[in-house]
Amino acid sequence: MTAVNLSDVGKRYKKKWVVKGFNLRIEDGEFMVFVGPSGCGKSTVLRMIAGLEEISAGTIEINQRIANDLAPKDRHVAMVFQNYALYPHMTVYENLAFALKMHKVPQDQIFTLVREAADILELTPLLERKPSEISGGQRQRVAMGRAIVRRVQVFLFDEPLSNLDAQLRTQMRREIKRLHNKLKSTMIYVTHDQIEAMTLADRIVVMKDGDIHQAGSPIDVYQNPVNVFVAGFIGSPHMNLFPATFHKIEKSSVLEAEHWTIPFSPKGQWDVLPGQEVILGIRPNDIRLATPHDSFPQSWLVEGTLKFVEILGKQVLMHVIVGGTTLQALVDNVHVPKIGEPVRLAFDRVAIHLFDAATQKTLKCENTVEDQSYTNYLRSVA
């Protein structure tokens, strides 16, 4: 059972803790992705697992064995780096075989292991070429092949796709997912790209300032962010977030922002008090462009001015000025107004998120309505 367990792990440079009190268990065969902004500590955690960084506190267990003092070569892990780290003077075959030769593996066994890895990654026709003679995506596959031939227990990926163009990134995401499905190995992947995290992971860990803000399945983190940071970071385009106040007027509820007010009557019971300062969150794909033919009550609509649009094929991301803030709405690419024209937007009130303005934490809602926003999101990035 190749699980990785981190207990109160910390890393300190001089007097500054860049990771502190990190607790996480990665199960056998799990694809875990660390995601967060640059400098959040995700690569540092990965390098501590690999043994490339000494830990300052805590315990790392790999396959039920404490690894704190083990050399990298004795941890049975392999790391795939951002810059491929291939030897330019060697052929693809020689790059794949290099680590095995260093471990004095017999030549016939090296041949078998390299051929198996080349078949898995569709590199067989390239074995006699040098890195300069193959594409960026093929070089990344060679880097992954060097990890595969070692038959390790845990694969570590440190932003492996960041040097590739958009089309290759999409292709390589599929390759890595296919590789995981085939090998069934434990994989830990670091990225700042939340689309990579959402499409690859069994579970994701959202990090900021060396701390875990939320860990869970992609659908759970997307639908149920625990705080404002996670809500704004996960999802593309990002969630709209506005300061507002919750009011009760007779039997009705409203959310009053700086320049607009909307009635608030979701299916569920919220843990929020009248007069409470909140942050209202609404994803762009949960906002609809109202047309003159719609029969929405005027009180349901938010009015603004179209600032500019981003054309995304069948959909358009509208940037709308509402009072002094900008709101994003992801709508179908039909009947979009011209820049500078007034627009009216209707929120899907079932899809609204509320956060406490003071703590930045989510306000709980016992909601029995299925949220389709995650399905819509996956369609938008497919």
Protein backbone atom coordinates (compact mmCIF):
# COMPACT_ATOMS: atom_id res chain seq x y z
CA MET A 1 0.00 0.00 0.00
CA THR A 2 1.80 3.11 -1.27
CA ALA A 3 0.21 5.91 0.74
CA VAL A 4 1.98 9.16 1.63
CA ASN A 5 1.25 10.67 5.03
CA LEU A 6 2.37 14.15 6.10
CA SER A 7 1.99 14.98 9.80
CA ASP A 8 2.60 18.54 11.04
CA VAL A 9 5.20 19.03 8.31
CA GLY A 10 6.92 22.41 8.19
CA LYS A 11 9.69 24.16 6.31
CA ARG A 12 11.56 27.19 7.59
CA TYR A 13 14.11 29.35 5.79
CA LYS A 14 16.06 31.25 8.44
CA LYS A 15 13.26 32.68 10.63
CA LYS A 16 10.46 32.50 8.05
CA TRP A 17 8.09 29.52 7.94
CA VAL A 18 7.01 28.94 4.34
CA VAL A 19 5.09 25.78 5.25
CA LYS A 20 3.80 25.09 8.75
CA GLY A 21 1.56 22.46 10.31
CA PHE A 22 0.88 20.69 7.00
CA ASN A 23 -1.30 17.61 7.55
CA LEU A 24 -2.41 15.45 4.65
CA ARG A 25 -2.78 11.79 3.70
CA ILE A 26 -2.52 10.74 0.05
CA GLU A 27 -4.02 7.30 -0.44
CA ASP A 28 -2.59 4.41 -2.44
CA GLY A 29 -3.24 4.96 -6.16
CA GLU A 30 -4.68 8.43 -5.63
CA PHE A 31 -4.07 11.34 -8.00
CA MET A 32 -3.59 14.31 -5.68
CA VAL A 33 -3.07 17.84 -7.01
CA PHE A 34 -1.66 20.77 -5.03
CA VAL A 35 -2.94 24.04 -6.48
CA GLY A 36 -2.47 27.64 -5.45
CA PRO A 37 -0.85 30.92 -6.45
CA SER A 38 2.89 31.28 -6.96
CA GLY A 39 4.78 31.25 -3.65
CA CYS A 40 2.10 29.37 -1.70
CA GLY A 41 4.48 26.53 -0.77
CA LYS A 42 3.13 23.76 -2.99
CA SER A 43 6.45 22.99 -4.74
CA THR A 44 8.25 23.12 -1.39
CA VAL A 45 5.93 20.40 -0.04
CA LEU A 46 6.55 18.29 -3.14
CA ARG A 47 10.32 18.68 -2.82
CA MET A 48 10.16 17.68 0.85
CA ILE A 49 8.32 14.48 -0.15
CA ALA A 50 11.01 13.82 -2.77
CA GLY A 51 13.81 14.44 -0.28
CA LEU A 52 15.18 17.40 -2.24
CA GLU A 53 14.37 19.73 0.69
CA GLU A 54 14.97 18.90 4.33
CA ILE A 55 11.93 19.27 6.53
CA SER A 56 12.11 21.62 9.52
CA ALA A 57 9.31 19.95 11.48
CA GLY A 58 6.94 17.01 11.35
CA THR A 59 7.00 13.56 9.79
CA ILE A 60 6.74 12.24 6.23
CA GLU A 61 5.75 8.60 5.77
CA ILE A 62 5.95 6.82 2.41
CA ASN A 63 4.56 3.31 2.23
CA GLN A 64 4.30 3.18 6.06
CA ARG A 65 8.00 4.02 6.43
CA ILE A 66 9.27 7.29 7.93
CA ALA A 67 11.21 9.04 5.18
CA ASN A 68 12.54 12.10 7.02
CA ASP A 69 16.16 10.97 6.89
CA LEU A 70 16.06 8.85 3.75
CA ALA A 71 18.06 9.94 0.71
CA PRO A 72 15.96 10.73 -2.40
CA LYS A 73 17.13 7.53 -4.13
CA ASP A 74 15.87 5.43 -1.20
CA ARG A 75 12.35 6.86 -1.10
CA HIS A 76 11.07 4.96 -4.17
CA VAL A 77 9.72 8.15 -5.71
CA ALA A 78 10.37 9.73 -9.10
CA MET A 79 10.01 13.39 -9.93
CA VAL A 80 9.07 14.96 -13.27
CA PHE A 81 10.32 18.54 -13.48
CA GLN A 82 9.07 21.62 -15.26
CA ASN A 83 12.17 21.88 -17.48
CA TYR A 84 12.27 18.18 -18.53
CA ALA A 85 15.93 17.81 -17.30
CA LEU A 86 16.93 15.67 -20.28
CA TYR A 87 20.54 15.09 -21.31
CA PRO A 88 20.87 16.84 -24.70
CA HIS A 89 23.77 14.68 -25.94
CA MET A 90 21.89 11.42 -25.31
CA THR A 91 19.21 9.76 -27.42
CA VAL A 92 15.71 9.22 -26.08
CA TYR A 93 16.64 5.59 -25.36
CA GLU A 94 19.76 6.63 -23.48
CA ASN A 95 17.83 9.21 -21.45
CA LEU A 96 15.28 6.59 -20.47
CA ALA A 97 17.97 4.08 -19.59
CA PHE A 98 20.32 6.41 -17.71
CA ALA A 99 18.96 5.97 -14.16
CA LEU A 100 18.77 2.20 -14.62
CA LYS A 101 22.41 2.08 -15.68
CA MET A 102 23.39 4.10 -12.61
CA HIS A 103 21.63 1.47 -10.47
CA LYS A 104 23.56 -1.25 -12.35
CA VAL A 105 20.43 -2.93 -13.72
CA PRO A 106 21.34 -5.71 -16.21
CA GLN A 107 21.31 -4.64 -19.87
CA ASP A 108 18.59 -7.06 -20.96
CA GLN A 109 16.33 -5.81 -18.16
CA ILE A 110 17.06 -2.19 -19.10
CA PHE A 111 16.05 -2.95 -22.70
CA THR A 112 12.76 -4.51 -21.56
CA LEU A 113 11.89 -1.69 -19.13
CA VAL A 114 12.71 1.06 -21.64
CA ARG A 115 10.68 -0.63 -24.39
CA GLU A 116 7.68 -1.03 -22.07
CA ALA A 117 7.80 2.64 -21.06
CA ALA A 118 8.25 3.72 -24.69
CA ASP A 119 5.19 1.69 -25.71
CA ILE A 120 3.06 3.18 -22.92
CA LEU A 121 4.03 6.74 -23.91
CA GLU A 122 4.12 6.12 -27.70
CA LEU A 123 7.82 6.97 -27.87
CA THR A 124 9.06 3.86 -29.68
CA PRO A 125 9.60 5.61 -33.07
CA LEU A 126 11.66 8.31 -31.32
CA LEU A 127 14.11 6.20 -29.34
CA GLU A 128 17.10 7.01 -31.57
CA ARG A 129 16.46 10.77 -31.67
CA LYS A 130 17.98 13.38 -29.40
CA PRO A 131 15.90 15.88 -27.36
CA SER A 132 16.61 18.68 -29.85
CA GLU A 133 14.98 16.59 -32.59
CA ILE A 134 11.62 16.11 -30.90
CA SER A 135 8.78 18.42 -29.84
CA GLY A 136 8.12 19.88 -26.40
CA GLY A 137 5.29 17.46 -25.75
CA GLN A 138 7.46 14.52 -26.76
CA ARG A 139 10.26 15.73 -24.45
CA GLN A 140 7.77 15.85 -21.58
CA ARG A 141 6.75 12.27 -22.36
CA VAL A 142 10.42 11.27 -22.23
CA ALA A 143 10.70 12.94 -18.82
CA MET A 144 7.70 10.92 -17.64
CA GLY A 145 9.23 7.79 -19.18
CA ARG A 146 12.35 8.20 -17.06
CA ALA A 147 10.10 7.98 -14.01
CA ILE A 148 8.13 5.00 -15.33
CA VAL A 149 11.17 2.79 -16.03
CA ARG A 150 12.22 2.98 -12.40
CA ARG A 151 9.01 1.22 -11.27
CA VAL A 152 8.67 3.58 -8.32
CA GLN A 153 5.89 3.71 -5.75
CA VAL A 154 5.07 7.42 -6.05
CA PHE A 155 5.24 9.81 -9.02
CA LEU A 156 5.79 13.52 -8.30
CA PHE A 157 5.05 16.19 -10.93
CA ASP A 158 6.29 19.78 -10.44
CA GLU A 159 4.35 21.98 -12.90
CA PRO A 160 5.32 19.72 -15.81
CA LEU A 161 3.17 21.45 -18.43
CA SER A 162 3.97 25.09 -17.77
CA ASN A 163 6.45 25.31 -20.68
CA LEU A 164 3.97 24.00 -23.26
CA ASP A 165 1.56 25.93 -25.44
CA ALA A 166 -2.20 25.75 -24.80
CA GLN A 167 -2.92 22.97 -27.28
CA LEU A 168 -0.06 20.80 -26.03
CA ARG A 169 -1.09 21.38 -22.42
CA THR A 170 -4.55 20.02 -23.19
CA GLN A 171 -3.06 17.01 -24.99
CA MET A 172 -0.58 16.28 -22.20
CA ARG A 173 -3.31 16.51 -19.54
CA ARG A 174 -5.02 13.64 -21.32
CA GLU A 175 -1.72 11.74 -21.56
CA ILE A 176 -1.05 12.08 -17.83
CA LYS A 177 -4.59 11.04 -16.93
CA ARG A 178 -4.30 8.04 -19.26
CA LEU A 179 -0.96 7.16 -17.66
CA HIS A 180 -2.48 7.22 -14.18
CA ASN A 181 -5.41 5.06 -15.26
CA LYS A 182 -2.97 2.53 -16.74
CA LEU A 183 -0.37 2.41 -13.97
CA LYS A 184 -2.73 2.85 -10.97
CA SER A 185 0.19 4.48 -9.14
CA THR A 186 0.10 7.17 -6.47
CA MET A 187 0.66 10.54 -8.14
CA ILE A 188 1.16 13.97 -6.58
CA TYR A 189 0.98 16.89 -8.96
CA VAL A 190 1.75 20.58 -8.41
CA THR A 191 0.28 23.36 -10.54
CA HIS A 192 -0.87 26.97 -10.31
CA ASP A 193 -3.37 26.26 -13.11
CA GLN A 194 -6.70 25.42 -11.52
CA ILE A 195 -8.06 23.96 -14.79
CA GLU A 196 -5.28 21.34 -14.66
CA ALA A 197 -6.17 20.66 -11.04
CA MET A 198 -9.89 20.29 -11.71
CA THR A 199 -9.53 18.03 -14.74
CA LEU A 200 -6.76 15.74 -13.46
CA ALA A 201 -7.29 15.22 -9.75
CA ASP A 202 -9.10 12.66 -7.64
CA ARG A 203 -8.64 15.22 -4.87
CA ILE A 204 -7.21 18.71 -4.85
CA VAL A 205 -5.50 20.67 -2.10
CA VAL A 206 -5.95 24.43 -2.39
CA MET A 207 -3.00 26.21 -0.76
CA LYS A 208 -2.15 29.77 0.21
CA ASP A 209 0.75 31.09 2.30
CA GLY A 210 1.92 27.57 3.15
CA ASP A 211 -1.47 26.50 4.53
CA ILE A 212 -4.15 24.12 3.29
CA HIS A 213 -7.35 26.12 2.81
CA GLN A 214 -9.41 23.23 1.47
CA ALA A 215 -8.92 19.61 0.42
CA GLY A 216 -11.53 17.55 -1.37
CA SER A 217 -12.81 16.27 -4.68
CA PRO A 218 -12.87 18.80 -7.53
CA ILE A 219 -16.67 18.89 -7.61
CA ASP A 220 -16.89 19.44 -3.84
CA VAL A 221 -14.32 22.24 -3.80
CA TYR A 222 -16.00 23.90 -6.79
CA GLN A 223 -19.53 23.68 -5.44
CA ASN A 224 -18.75 24.17 -1.75
CA PRO A 225 -15.76 26.53 -1.30
CA VAL A 226 -14.98 26.99 2.38
CA ASN A 227 -13.89 30.62 2.10
CA VAL A 228 -13.57 33.62 -0.20
CA PHE A 229 -10.06 32.70 -1.34
CA VAL A 230 -11.05 29.22 -2.55
CA ALA A 231 -14.21 30.59 -4.17
CA GLY A 232 -12.24 33.17 -6.12
CA PHE A 233 -9.37 30.87 -7.07
CA ILE A 234 -11.21 27.74 -8.20
CA GLY A 235 -13.25 28.08 -11.37
CA SER A 236 -12.55 29.68 -14.74
CA PRO A 237 -13.63 32.38 -15.19
CA HIS A 238 -13.42 33.18 -11.49
CA MET A 239 -16.40 33.75 -9.23
CA ASN A 240 -17.85 37.26 -8.92
CA LEU A 241 -17.54 38.49 -5.32
CA PHE A 242 -19.33 41.57 -3.94
CA PRO A 243 -19.78 43.05 -0.46
CA ALA A 244 -23.45 43.09 0.51
CA THR A 245 -25.82 43.19 3.48
CA PHE A 246 -28.50 40.63 4.24
CA HIS A 247 -31.89 42.14 5.16
CA LYS A 248 -35.24 40.73 6.20
CA ILE A 249 -38.25 42.74 5.04
CA GLU A 250 -41.43 41.23 6.44
CA LYS A 251 -41.40 37.68 5.09
CA SER A 252 -38.92 38.39 2.31
CA SER A 253 -35.12 38.45 2.22
CA VAL A 254 -32.93 40.74 0.13
CA LEU A 255 -29.24 41.20 -0.53
CA GLU A 256 -28.26 44.84 -0.75
CA ALA A 257 -24.97 45.66 -2.48
CA GLU A 258 -23.54 49.13 -3.04
CA HIS A 259 -25.45 49.90 -6.22
CA TRP A 260 -28.19 47.28 -6.45
CA THR A 261 -30.53 45.10 -4.44
CA ILE A 262 -31.96 41.70 -5.32
CA PRO A 263 -34.53 39.54 -3.59
CA PHE A 264 -33.02 36.46 -2.01
CA SER A 265 -35.23 33.41 -1.69
CA PRO A 266 -33.10 30.30 -2.28
CA LYS A 267 -34.21 26.73 -1.75
CA GLY A 268 -32.70 26.17 1.66
CA GLN A 269 -32.01 27.68 5.06
CA TRP A 270 -28.96 29.93 5.43
CA ASP A 271 -26.98 30.54 8.59
CA VAL A 272 -27.19 34.34 8.27
CA LEU A 273 -28.74 37.06 10.44
CA PRO A 274 -30.65 40.20 9.41
CA GLY A 275 -28.25 43.13 9.02
CA GLN A 276 -25.23 40.87 8.67
CA GLU A 277 -22.42 42.03 6.38
CA VAL A 278 -21.69 39.34 3.81
CA ILE A 279 -19.81 38.72 0.60
CA LEU A 280 -22.05 37.57 -2.23
CA GLY A 281 -20.54 35.10 -4.69
CA ILE A 282 -21.99 34.19 -8.06
CA ARG A 283 -20.22 32.34 -10.86
CA PRO A 284 -20.30 33.91 -14.35
CA ASN A 285 -22.06 30.86 -15.82
CA ASP A 286 -24.87 31.31 -13.26
CA ILE A 287 -25.77 34.75 -14.65
CA ARG A 288 -28.18 35.16 -17.54
CA LEU A 289 -28.45 38.05 -19.97
CA ALA A 290 -32.06 39.24 -19.81
CA THR A 291 -33.72 40.18 -23.11
CA PRO A 292 -36.81 42.33 -23.72
CA HIS A 293 -38.80 39.12 -24.25
CA ASP A 294 -38.04 37.76 -20.77
CA SER A 295 -40.64 38.11 -18.05
CA PHE A 296 -38.29 38.53 -15.08
CA PRO A 297 -39.67 40.92 -12.41
CA GLN A 298 -37.68 44.15 -12.45
CA SER A 299 -36.59 43.55 -8.86
CA TRP A 300 -34.76 40.37 -9.94
CA LEU A 301 -32.49 42.18 -12.40
CA VAL A 302 -29.13 43.89 -12.02
CA GLU A 303 -28.55 46.68 -14.51
CA GLY A 304 -25.19 47.83 -15.83
CA THR A 305 -23.18 48.89 -18.87
CA LEU A 306 -21.26 46.51 -21.11
CA LYS A 307 -17.55 47.35 -20.84
CA PHE A 308 -16.01 44.72 -23.12
CA VAL A 309 -16.40 41.09 -24.17
CA GLU A 310 -14.15 38.07 -24.56
CA ILE A 311 -15.28 35.77 -27.36
CA LEU A 312 -14.86 32.13 -26.32
CA GLY A 313 -16.44 30.41 -29.29
CA LYS A 314 -20.08 29.54 -28.61
CA GLN A 315 -19.98 31.62 -25.44
CA VAL A 316 -18.99 35.17 -24.59
CA LEU A 317 -17.59 36.46 -21.31
CA MET A 318 -19.18 39.86 -20.75
CA HIS A 319 -17.55 42.40 -18.44
CA VAL A 320 -20.31 44.62 -17.13
CA ILE A 321 -19.89 47.79 -15.06
CA VAL A 322 -22.41 47.80 -12.19
CA GLY A 323 -21.98 50.94 -10.14
CA GLY A 324 -18.29 51.10 -9.32
CA THR A 325 -17.53 47.39 -9.80
CA THR A 326 -17.14 45.00 -12.72
CA LEU A 327 -19.24 41.86 -12.98
CA GLN A 328 -18.49 38.94 -15.33
CA ALA A 329 -21.24 36.95 -17.04
CA LEU A 330 -20.68 33.91 -19.27
CA VAL A 331 -23.50 33.83 -21.83
CA ASP A 332 -24.31 32.29 -25.20
CA ASN A 333 -22.83 34.11 -28.17
CA VAL A 334 -26.17 35.40 -29.47
CA HIS A 335 -27.72 38.87 -29.26
CA VAL A 336 -24.86 40.27 -27.19
CA PRO A 337 -25.23 44.05 -26.92
CA LYS A 338 -22.63 46.46 -28.26
CA ILE A 339 -19.90 47.89 -26.06
CA GLY A 340 -21.26 50.80 -24.03
CA GLU A 341 -24.88 49.70 -24.21
CA PRO A 342 -26.97 49.02 -21.09
CA VAL A 343 -27.55 45.39 -20.11
CA ARG A 344 -29.82 43.63 -17.65
CA LEU A 345 -28.60 40.51 -15.85
CA ALA A 346 -30.51 37.89 -13.90
CA PHE A 347 -28.79 35.80 -11.18
CA ASP A 348 -29.55 32.13 -10.64
CA ARG A 349 -30.43 32.68 -7.01
CA VAL A 350 -30.12 28.98 -6.14
CA ALA A 351 -26.43 29.20 -7.19
CA ILE A 352 -25.56 32.17 -4.95
CA HIS A 353 -22.80 31.71 -2.35
CA LEU A 354 -22.63 33.77 0.83
CA PHE A 355 -19.53 34.37 2.96
CA ASP A 356 -19.18 36.14 6.29
CA ALA A 357 -17.55 39.50 5.63
CA ALA A 358 -15.56 39.39 8.88
CA THR A 359 -14.18 35.83 8.75
CA GLN A 360 -14.24 35.34 4.95
CA LYS A 361 -15.68 31.86 5.64
CA THR A 362 -18.67 30.40 3.87
CA LEU A 363 -22.10 30.67 5.46
CA LYS A 364 -23.76 27.29 5.58
CA CYS A 365 -26.95 26.49 3.73
CA GLU A 366 -29.04 23.35 4.00
CA ASN A 367 -29.76 23.21 0.28
CA THR A 368 -31.65 20.32 -1.29
CA VAL A 369 -31.44 21.56 -4.87
CA GLU A 370 -28.82 19.92 -7.06
CA ASP A 371 -26.21 22.42 -8.26
CA GLN A 372 -25.60 22.11 -12.02
CA SER A 373 -22.92 24.80 -12.12
CA TYR A 374 -20.02 22.31 -11.92
CA THR A 375 -21.36 20.41 -14.93
CA ASN A 376 -21.67 23.69 -16.81
CA TYR A 377 -18.10 24.58 -15.82
CA LEU A 378 -16.65 21.32 -17.12
CA ARG A 379 -18.44 21.82 -20.42
CA SER A 380 -16.97 25.31 -20.70
CA VAL A 381 -13.33 24.12 -20.29
CA ALA A 382 -13.60 20.86 -22.23
